[in-house]
Amino acid sequence: MADAIQLPETSGKISIDENLTDRAKLDNLVTDLAQEYSKYLKVDVSAEKAVLEDEVEDILTRLDEFTSFVDMVRGGQCIVFKSNTSRYS
């Protein structure tokens, strides 16, 4: 008969408290895991950005030089161009 006496309210509260602490632990674990993954996925692109900016600057410089050359040829200001065209005229 002593085995038949149980306090269901007490045993229920203990399991609820255990479930709450397990839930809190799980929430903390998930939060920590998410923070660790966010650190893993962060990318530092400053070095690649600097290389790309240098390349773009170089291309723009070359384009400016080419544009100046084309303008000289169009305007007839290029001595070499004038001398070569006078040979064939």
PDB file of N, CA and C in Angstrom:
ATOM      1  N   MET A   1       0.799  -1.182   0.000  1.00  0.00           N
ATOM      2  CA  MET A   1       0.000   0.000   0.000  1.00  0.00           C
ATOM      3  C   MET A   1       0.848   1.254   0.000  1.00  0.00           C
ATOM      4  N   ALA A   2       1.982   1.196   0.556  1.00  0.00           N
ATOM      5  CA  ALA A   2       2.853   2.368   0.580  1.00  0.00           C
ATOM      6  C   ALA A   2       3.271   2.746  -0.830  1.00  0.00           C
ATOM      7  N   ASP A   3       3.317   1.750  -1.706  1.00  0.00           N
ATOM      8  CA  ASP A   3       3.675   2.035  -3.096  1.00  0.00           C
ATOM      9  C   ASP A   3       2.573   2.805  -3.815  1.00  0.00           C
ATOM     10  N   ALA A   4       1.350   2.658  -3.398  1.00  0.00           N
ATOM     11  CA  ALA A   4       0.225   3.296  -4.068  1.00  0.00           C
ATOM     12  C   ALA A   4       0.103   4.772  -3.731  1.00  0.00           C
ATOM     13  N   ILE A   5       0.769   5.243  -2.680  1.00  0.00           N
ATOM     14  CA  ILE A   5       0.657   6.649  -2.288  1.00  0.00           C
ATOM     15  C   ILE A   5       1.714   7.451  -3.056  1.00  0.00           C
ATOM     16  N   GLN A   6       1.236   8.349  -3.888  1.00  0.00           N
ATOM     17  CA  GLN A   6       2.127   9.247  -4.634  1.00  0.00           C
ATOM     18  C   GLN A   6       1.497  10.625  -4.658  1.00  0.00           C
ATOM     19  N   LEU A   7       2.270  11.581  -4.780  1.00  0.00           N
ATOM     20  CA  LEU A   7       1.773  12.943  -4.901  1.00  0.00           C
ATOM     21  C   LEU A   7       1.930  13.378  -6.364  1.00  0.00           C
ATOM     22  N   PRO A   8       0.864  13.276  -7.132  1.00  0.00           N
ATOM     23  CA  PRO A   8       0.987  13.607  -8.550  1.00  0.00           C
ATOM     24  C   PRO A   8       1.290  15.082  -8.799  1.00  0.00           C
ATOM     25  N   GLU A   9       0.823  15.964  -7.903  1.00  0.00           N
ATOM     26  CA  GLU A   9       1.088  17.385  -8.101  1.00  0.00           C
ATOM     27  C   GLU A   9       2.574  17.675  -7.993  1.00  0.00           C
ATOM     28  N   THR A  10       3.236  17.098  -7.017  1.00  0.00           N
ATOM     29  CA  THR A  10       4.654  17.333  -6.815  1.00  0.00           C
ATOM     30  C   THR A  10       5.465  16.761  -7.965  1.00  0.00           C
ATOM     31  N   SER A  11       5.140  15.532  -8.355  1.00  0.00           N
ATOM     32  CA  SER A  11       5.895  14.923  -9.449  1.00  0.00           C
ATOM     33  C   SER A  11       5.644  15.672 -10.753  1.00  0.00           C
ATOM     34  N   GLY A  12       4.438  16.204 -10.925  1.00  0.00           N
ATOM     35  CA  GLY A  12       4.136  16.991 -12.118  1.00  0.00           C
ATOM     36  C   GLY A  12       4.913  18.296 -12.141  1.00  0.00           C
ATOM     37  N   LYS A  13       5.035  18.952 -10.993  1.00  0.00           N
ATOM     38  CA  LYS A  13       5.779  20.213 -10.935  1.00  0.00           C
ATOM     39  C   LYS A  13       7.256  19.991 -11.217  1.00  0.00           C
ATOM     40  N   ILE A  14       7.774  18.919 -10.733  1.00  0.00           N
ATOM     41  CA  ILE A  14       9.189  18.633 -10.971  1.00  0.00           C
ATOM     42  C   ILE A  14       9.432  18.425 -12.463  1.00  0.00           C
ATOM     43  N   SER A  15       8.563  17.686 -13.112  1.00  0.00           N
ATOM     44  CA  SER A  15       8.761  17.447 -14.541  1.00  0.00           C
ATOM     45  C   SER A  15       8.571  18.739 -15.341  1.00  0.00           C
ATOM     46  N   ILE A  16       7.644  19.603 -14.906  1.00  0.00           N
ATOM     47  CA  ILE A  16       7.455  20.884 -15.594  1.00  0.00           C
ATOM     48  C   ILE A  16       8.692  21.752 -15.409  1.00  0.00           C
ATOM     49  N   ASP A  17       9.226  21.796 -14.182  1.00  0.00           N
ATOM     50  CA  ASP A  17      10.434  22.576 -13.937  1.00  0.00           C
ATOM     51  C   ASP A  17      11.604  22.027 -14.744  1.00  0.00           C
ATOM     52  N   GLU A  18      11.713  20.713 -14.810  1.00  0.00           N
ATOM     53  CA  GLU A  18      12.792  20.114 -15.596  1.00  0.00           C
ATOM     54  C   GLU A  18      12.611  20.448 -17.074  1.00  0.00           C
ATOM     55  N   ASN A  19      11.371  20.402 -17.549  1.00  0.00           N
ATOM     56  CA  ASN A  19      11.121  20.746 -18.948  1.00  0.00           C
ATOM     57  C   ASN A  19      11.452  22.214 -19.225  1.00  0.00           C
ATOM     58  N   LEU A  20      11.131  23.090 -18.252  1.00  0.00           N
ATOM     59  CA  LEU A  20      11.445  24.506 -18.439  1.00  0.00           C
ATOM     60  C   LEU A  20      12.946  24.742 -18.451  1.00  0.00           C
ATOM     61  N   THR A  21      13.665  24.096 -17.551  1.00  0.00           N
ATOM     62  CA  THR A  21      15.118  24.277 -17.539  1.00  0.00           C
ATOM     63  C   THR A  21      15.738  23.659 -18.782  1.00  0.00           C
ATOM     64  N   ASP A  22      15.207  22.517 -19.218  1.00  0.00           N
ATOM     65  CA  ASP A  22      15.710  21.925 -20.456  1.00  0.00           C
ATOM     66  C   ASP A  22      15.420  22.845 -21.640  1.00  0.00           C
ATOM     67  N   ARG A  23      14.267  23.452 -21.641  1.00  0.00           N
ATOM     68  CA  ARG A  23      13.887  24.380 -22.717  1.00  0.00           C
ATOM     69  C   ARG A  23      14.798  25.607 -22.703  1.00  0.00           C
ATOM     70  N   ALA A  24      15.081  26.123 -21.499  1.00  0.00           N
ATOM     71  CA  ALA A  24      15.965  27.285 -21.381  1.00  0.00           C
ATOM     72  C   ALA A  24      17.380  26.931 -21.829  1.00  0.00           C
ATOM     73  N   LYS A  25      17.842  25.749 -21.445  1.00  0.00           N
ATOM     74  CA  LYS A  25      19.170  25.304 -21.872  1.00  0.00           C
ATOM     75  C   LYS A  25      19.222  25.153 -23.389  1.00  0.00           C
ATOM     76  N   LEU A  26      18.165  24.593 -23.943  1.00  0.00           N
ATOM     77  CA  LEU A  26      18.099  24.416 -25.389  1.00  0.00           C
ATOM     78  C   LEU A  26      18.060  25.768 -26.100  1.00  0.00           C
ATOM     79  N   ASP A  27      17.294  26.707 -25.557  1.00  0.00           N
ATOM     80  CA  ASP A  27      17.252  28.052 -26.140  1.00  0.00           C
ATOM     81  C   ASP A  27      18.625  28.715 -26.096  1.00  0.00           C
ATOM     82  N   ASN A  28      19.315  28.583 -24.974  1.00  0.00           N
ATOM     83  CA  ASN A  28      20.662  29.148 -24.857  1.00  0.00           C
ATOM     84  C   ASN A  28      21.622  28.483 -25.834  1.00  0.00           C
ATOM     85  N   LEU A  29      21.498  27.174 -25.969  1.00  0.00           N
ATOM     86  CA  LEU A  29      22.357  26.443 -26.890  1.00  0.00           C
ATOM     87  C   LEU A  29      22.119  26.886 -28.330  1.00  0.00           C
ATOM     88  N   VAL A  30      20.864  27.030 -28.696  1.00  0.00           N
ATOM     89  CA  VAL A  30      20.528  27.472 -30.058  1.00  0.00           C
ATOM     90  C   VAL A  30      21.029  28.895 -30.288  1.00  0.00           C
ATOM     91  N   THR A  31      20.875  29.762 -29.301  1.00  0.00           N
ATOM     92  CA  THR A  31      21.353  31.143 -29.427  1.00  0.00           C
ATOM     93  C   THR A  31      22.865  31.177 -29.586  1.00  0.00           C
ATOM     94  N   ASP A  32      23.571  30.411 -28.760  1.00  0.00           N
ATOM     95  CA  ASP A  32      25.028  30.358 -28.862  1.00  0.00           C
ATOM     96  C   ASP A  32      25.468  29.803 -30.214  1.00  0.00           C
ATOM     97  N   LEU A  33      24.791  28.772 -30.665  1.00  0.00           N
ATOM     98  CA  LEU A  33      25.120  28.171 -31.956  1.00  0.00           C
ATOM     99  C   LEU A  33      24.896  29.164 -33.098  1.00  0.00           C
ATOM    100  N   ALA A  34      23.813  29.901 -33.033  1.00  0.00           N
ATOM    101  CA  ALA A  34      23.526  30.903 -34.071  1.00  0.00           C
ATOM    102  C   ALA A  34      24.587  32.002 -34.066  1.00  0.00           C
ATOM    103  N   GLN A  35      25.028  32.420 -32.905  1.00  0.00           N
ATOM    104  CA  GLN A  35      26.068  33.448 -32.825  1.00  0.00           C
ATOM    105  C   GLN A  35      27.393  32.933 -33.377  1.00  0.00           C
ATOM    106  N   GLU A  36      27.725  31.679 -33.082  1.00  0.00           N
ATOM    107  CA  GLU A  36      28.962  31.102 -33.603  1.00  0.00           C
ATOM    108  C   GLU A  36      28.918  30.978 -35.123  1.00  0.00           C
ATOM    109  N   TYR A  37      27.789  30.542 -35.650  1.00  0.00           N
ATOM    110  CA  TYR A  37      27.657  30.444 -37.106  1.00  0.00           C
ATOM    111  C   TYR A  37      27.718  31.822 -37.754  1.00  0.00           C
ATOM    112  N   SER A  38      27.161  32.831 -37.121  1.00  0.00           N
ATOM    113  CA  SER A  38      27.220  34.174 -37.703  1.00  0.00           C
ATOM    114  C   SER A  38      28.662  34.675 -37.744  1.00  0.00           C
ATOM    115  N   LYS A  39      29.469  34.321 -36.757  1.00  0.00           N
ATOM    116  CA  LYS A  39      30.888  34.684 -36.790  1.00  0.00           C
ATOM    117  C   LYS A  39      31.603  33.940 -37.912  1.00  0.00           C
ATOM    118  N   TYR A  40      31.239  32.706 -38.140  1.00  0.00           N
ATOM    119  CA  TYR A  40      31.861  31.885 -39.181  1.00  0.00           C
ATOM    120  C   TYR A  40      31.544  32.429 -40.567  1.00  0.00           C
ATOM    121  N   LEU A  41      30.347  32.941 -40.741  1.00  0.00           N
ATOM    122  CA  LEU A  41      29.912  33.389 -42.056  1.00  0.00           C
ATOM    123  C   LEU A  41      30.308  34.826 -42.380  1.00  0.00           C
ATOM    124  N   LYS A  42      30.858  35.561 -41.438  1.00  0.00           N
ATOM    125  CA  LYS A  42      31.289  36.929 -41.719  1.00  0.00           C
ATOM    126  C   LYS A  42      32.512  36.888 -42.627  1.00  0.00           C
ATOM    127  N   VAL A  43      32.518  37.776 -43.616  1.00  0.00           N
ATOM    128  CA  VAL A  43      33.593  37.800 -44.594  1.00  0.00           C
ATOM    129  C   VAL A  43      34.204  39.195 -44.612  1.00  0.00           C
ATOM    130  N   ASP A  44      35.519  39.243 -44.625  1.00  0.00           N
ATOM    131  CA  ASP A  44      36.222  40.517 -44.723  1.00  0.00           C
ATOM    132  C   ASP A  44      36.672  40.694 -46.170  1.00  0.00           C
ATOM    133  N   VAL A  45      36.052  41.616 -46.863  1.00  0.00           N
ATOM    134  CA  VAL A  45      36.342  41.811 -48.283  1.00  0.00           C
ATOM    135  C   VAL A  45      37.150  43.083 -48.530  1.00  0.00           C
ATOM    136  N   SER A  46      37.727  43.654 -47.498  1.00  0.00           N
ATOM    137  CA  SER A  46      38.453  44.911 -47.666  1.00  0.00           C
ATOM    138  C   SER A  46      39.670  44.743 -48.571  1.00  0.00           C
ATOM    139  N   ALA A  47      40.377  43.616 -48.462  1.00  0.00           N
ATOM    140  CA  ALA A  47      41.547  43.391 -49.316  1.00  0.00           C
ATOM    141  C   ALA A  47      41.129  43.244 -50.776  1.00  0.00           C
ATOM    142  N   GLU A  48      40.080  42.460 -51.020  1.00  0.00           N
ATOM    143  CA  GLU A  48      39.594  42.286 -52.383  1.00  0.00           C
ATOM    144  C   GLU A  48      39.046  43.594 -52.940  1.00  0.00           C
ATOM    145  N   LYS A  49      38.424  44.385 -52.084  1.00  0.00           N
ATOM    146  CA  LYS A  49      37.870  45.673 -52.511  1.00  0.00           C
ATOM    147  C   LYS A  49      38.988  46.615 -52.933  1.00  0.00           C
ATOM    148  N   ALA A  50      40.087  46.625 -52.191  1.00  0.00           N
ATOM    149  CA  ALA A  50      41.213  47.494 -52.527  1.00  0.00           C
ATOM    150  C   ALA A  50      41.816  47.100 -53.871  1.00  0.00           C
ATOM    151  N   VAL A  51      41.960  45.807 -54.117  1.00  0.00           N
ATOM    152  CA  VAL A  51      42.495  45.340 -55.399  1.00  0.00           C
ATOM    153  C   VAL A  51      41.567  45.744 -56.533  1.00  0.00           C
ATOM    154  N   LEU A  52      40.293  45.568 -56.338  1.00  0.00           N
ATOM    155  CA  LEU A  52      39.316  45.926 -57.366  1.00  0.00           C
ATOM    156  C   LEU A  52      39.329  47.429 -57.639  1.00  0.00           C
ATOM    157  N   GLU A  53      39.412  48.237 -56.594  1.00  0.00           N
ATOM    158  CA  GLU A  53      39.473  49.687 -56.781  1.00  0.00           C
ATOM    159  C   GLU A  53      40.722  50.095 -57.554  1.00  0.00           C
ATOM    160  N   ASP A  54      41.861  49.446 -57.262  1.00  0.00           N
ATOM    161  CA  ASP A  54      43.092  49.747 -57.996  1.00  0.00           C
ATOM    162  C   ASP A  54      42.959  49.390 -59.469  1.00  0.00           C
ATOM    163  N   GLU A  55      42.358  48.246 -59.751  1.00  0.00           N
ATOM    164  CA  GLU A  55      42.172  47.832 -61.142  1.00  0.00           C
ATOM    165  C   GLU A  55      41.237  48.780 -61.884  1.00  0.00           C
ATOM    166  N   VAL A  56      40.175  49.190 -61.239  1.00  0.00           N
ATOM    167  CA  VAL A  56      39.236  50.126 -61.869  1.00  0.00           C
ATOM    168  C   VAL A  56      39.931  51.455 -62.132  1.00  0.00           C
ATOM    169  N   GLU A  57      40.724  51.918 -61.191  1.00  0.00           N
ATOM    170  CA  GLU A  57      41.464  53.171 -61.375  1.00  0.00           C
ATOM    171  C   GLU A  57      42.435  53.059 -62.547  1.00  0.00           C
ATOM    172  N   ASP A  58      43.114  51.933 -62.670  1.00  0.00           N
ATOM    173  CA  ASP A  58      44.035  51.711 -63.786  1.00  0.00           C
ATOM    174  C   ASP A  58      43.291  51.705 -65.120  1.00  0.00           C
ATOM    175  N   ILE A  59      42.164  51.042 -65.168  1.00  0.00           N
ATOM    176  CA  ILE A  59      41.370  50.991 -66.401  1.00  0.00           C
ATOM    177  C   ILE A  59      40.860  52.384 -66.769  1.00  0.00           C
ATOM    178  N   LEU A  60      40.422  53.147 -65.789  1.00  0.00           N
ATOM    179  CA  LEU A  60      39.954  54.511 -66.068  1.00  0.00           C
ATOM    180  C   LEU A  60      41.088  55.400 -66.582  1.00  0.00           C
ATOM    181  N   THR A  61      42.284  55.223 -66.040  1.00  0.00           N
ATOM    182  CA  THR A  61      43.440  55.985 -66.519  1.00  0.00           C
ATOM    183  C   THR A  61      43.741  55.642 -67.967  1.00  0.00           C
ATOM    184  N   ARG A  62      43.740  54.346 -68.283  1.00  0.00           N
ATOM    185  CA  ARG A  62      43.998  53.923 -69.666  1.00  0.00           C
ATOM    186  C   ARG A  62      42.910  54.433 -70.613  1.00  0.00           C
ATOM    187  N   LEU A  63      41.681  54.411 -70.165  1.00  0.00           N
ATOM    188  CA  LEU A  63      40.585  54.913 -70.990  1.00  0.00           C
ATOM    189  C   LEU A  63      40.740  56.412 -71.244  1.00  0.00           C
ATOM    190  N   ASP A  64      41.157  57.147 -70.231  1.00  0.00           N
ATOM    191  CA  ASP A  64      41.378  58.581 -70.392  1.00  0.00           C
ATOM    192  C   ASP A  64      42.508  58.841 -71.385  1.00  0.00           C
ATOM    193  N   GLU A  65      43.592  58.069 -71.289  1.00  0.00           N
ATOM    194  CA  GLU A  65      44.699  58.219 -72.232  1.00  0.00           C
ATOM    195  C   GLU A  65      44.250  57.894 -73.651  1.00  0.00           C
ATOM    196  N   PHE A  66      43.484  56.836 -73.810  1.00  0.00           N
ATOM    197  CA  PHE A  66      43.000  56.453 -75.134  1.00  0.00           C
ATOM    198  C   PHE A  66      42.073  57.523 -75.705  1.00  0.00           C
ATOM    199  N   THR A  67      41.212  58.066 -74.864  1.00  0.00           N
ATOM    200  CA  THR A  67      40.298  59.123 -75.308  1.00  0.00           C
ATOM    201  C   THR A  67      41.081  60.355 -75.752  1.00  0.00           C
ATOM    202  N   SER A  68      42.118  60.708 -75.004  1.00  0.00           N
ATOM    203  CA  SER A  68      42.959  61.847 -75.391  1.00  0.00           C
ATOM    204  C   SER A  68      43.638  61.582 -76.725  1.00  0.00           C
ATOM    205  N   PHE A  69      44.134  60.371 -76.919  1.00  0.00           N
ATOM    206  CA  PHE A  69      44.777  60.009 -78.182  1.00  0.00           C
ATOM    207  C   PHE A  69      43.789  60.094 -79.343  1.00  0.00           C
ATOM    208  N   VAL A  70      42.593  59.577 -79.165  1.00  0.00           N
ATOM    209  CA  VAL A  70      41.575  59.630 -80.220  1.00  0.00           C
ATOM    210  C   VAL A  70      41.208  61.077 -80.525  1.00  0.00           C
ATOM    211  N   ASP A  71      41.110  61.914 -79.509  1.00  0.00           N
ATOM    212  CA  ASP A  71      40.806  63.328 -79.725  1.00  0.00           C
ATOM    213  C   ASP A  71      41.918  64.016 -80.517  1.00  0.00           C
ATOM    214  N   MET A  72      43.187  63.666 -80.219  1.00  0.00           N
ATOM    215  CA  MET A  72      44.305  64.243 -80.970  1.00  0.00           C
ATOM    216  C   MET A  72      44.249  63.821 -82.432  1.00  0.00           C
ATOM    217  N   VAL A  73      43.956  62.572 -82.684  1.00  0.00           N
ATOM    218  CA  VAL A  73      43.889  62.077 -84.055  1.00  0.00           C
ATOM    219  C   VAL A  73      42.733  62.733 -84.794  1.00  0.00           C
ATOM    220  N   ARG A  74      41.614  62.856 -84.164  1.00  0.00           N
ATOM    221  CA  ARG A  74      40.453  63.491 -84.799  1.00  0.00           C
ATOM    222  C   ARG A  74      40.721  64.959 -85.112  1.00  0.00           C
ATOM    223  N   GLY A  75      41.401  65.628 -84.217  1.00  0.00           N
ATOM    224  CA  GLY A  75      41.671  67.050 -84.405  1.00  0.00           C
ATOM    225  C   GLY A  75      42.842  67.311 -85.334  1.00  0.00           C
ATOM    226  N   GLY A  76      43.553  66.286 -85.731  1.00  0.00           N
ATOM    227  CA  GLY A  76      44.702  66.462 -86.602  1.00  0.00           C
ATOM    228  C   GLY A  76      45.892  67.045 -85.883  1.00  0.00           C
ATOM    229  N   GLN A  77      45.965  66.907 -84.585  1.00  0.00           N
ATOM    230  CA  GLN A  77      47.056  67.476 -83.817  1.00  0.00           C
ATOM    231  C   GLN A  77      48.225  66.512 -83.681  1.00  0.00           C
ATOM    232  N   CYS A  78      48.071  65.357 -84.191  1.00  0.00           N
ATOM    233  CA  CYS A  78      49.118  64.346 -84.044  1.00  0.00           C
ATOM    234  C   CYS A  78      50.085  64.474 -85.222  1.00  0.00           C
ATOM    235  N   ILE A  79      51.322  64.819 -84.978  1.00  0.00           N
ATOM    236  CA  ILE A  79      52.320  65.040 -86.028  1.00  0.00           C
ATOM    237  C   ILE A  79      52.595  63.751 -86.780  1.00  0.00           C
ATOM    238  N   VAL A  80      52.706  62.666 -86.066  1.00  0.00           N
ATOM    239  CA  VAL A  80      52.973  61.384 -86.712  1.00  0.00           C
ATOM    240  C   VAL A  80      51.827  61.024 -87.637  1.00  0.00           C
ATOM    241  N   PHE A  81      50.635  61.252 -87.211  1.00  0.00           N
ATOM    242  CA  PHE A  81      49.473  60.943 -88.038  1.00  0.00           C
ATOM    243  C   PHE A  81      49.464  61.805 -89.297  1.00  0.00           C
ATOM    244  N   LYS A  82      49.809  63.083 -89.175  1.00  0.00           N
ATOM    245  CA  LYS A  82      49.834  63.984 -90.324  1.00  0.00           C
ATOM    246  C   LYS A  82      50.912  63.568 -91.319  1.00  0.00           C
ATOM    247  N   SER A  83      52.077  63.246 -90.800  1.00  0.00           N
ATOM    248  CA  SER A  83      53.169  62.886 -91.708  1.00  0.00           C
ATOM    249  C   SER A  83      52.886  61.572 -92.421  1.00  0.00           C
ATOM    250  N   ASN A  84      52.278  60.632 -91.741  1.00  0.00           N
ATOM    251  CA  ASN A  84      51.968  59.353 -92.378  1.00  0.00           C
ATOM    252  C   ASN A  84      50.842  59.494 -93.389  1.00  0.00           C
ATOM    253  N   THR A  85      49.861  60.340 -93.125  1.00  0.00           N
ATOM    254  CA  THR A  85      48.762  60.509 -94.075  1.00  0.00           C
ATOM    255  C   THR A  85      49.192  61.316 -95.287  1.00  0.00           C
ATOM    256  N   SER A  86      50.174  62.213 -95.118  1.00  0.00           N
ATOM    257  CA  SER A  86      50.633  62.996 -96.268  1.00  0.00           C
ATOM    258  C   SER A  86      51.397  62.122 -97.254  1.00  0.00           C
ATOM    259  N   ARG A  87      51.999  61.059 -96.806  1.00  0.00           N
ATOM    260  CA  ARG A  87      52.709  60.138 -97.701  1.00  0.00           C
ATOM    261  C   ARG A  87      51.748  59.436 -98.643  1.00  0.00           C
ATOM    262  N   TYR A  88      50.588  59.126 -98.150  1.00  0.00           N
ATOM    263  CA  TYR A  88      49.640  58.339 -98.935  1.00  0.00           C
ATOM    264  C   TYR A  88      48.680  59.200 -99.740  1.00  0.00           C
ATOM    265  N   SER A  89      48.748  60.500 -99.598  1.00  0.00           N
ATOM    266  CA  SER A  89      47.822  61.378-100.329  1.00  0.00           C
ATOM    267  C   SER A  89      48.324  61.698-101.707  1.00  0.00           C
TER     268      SER A  89
END
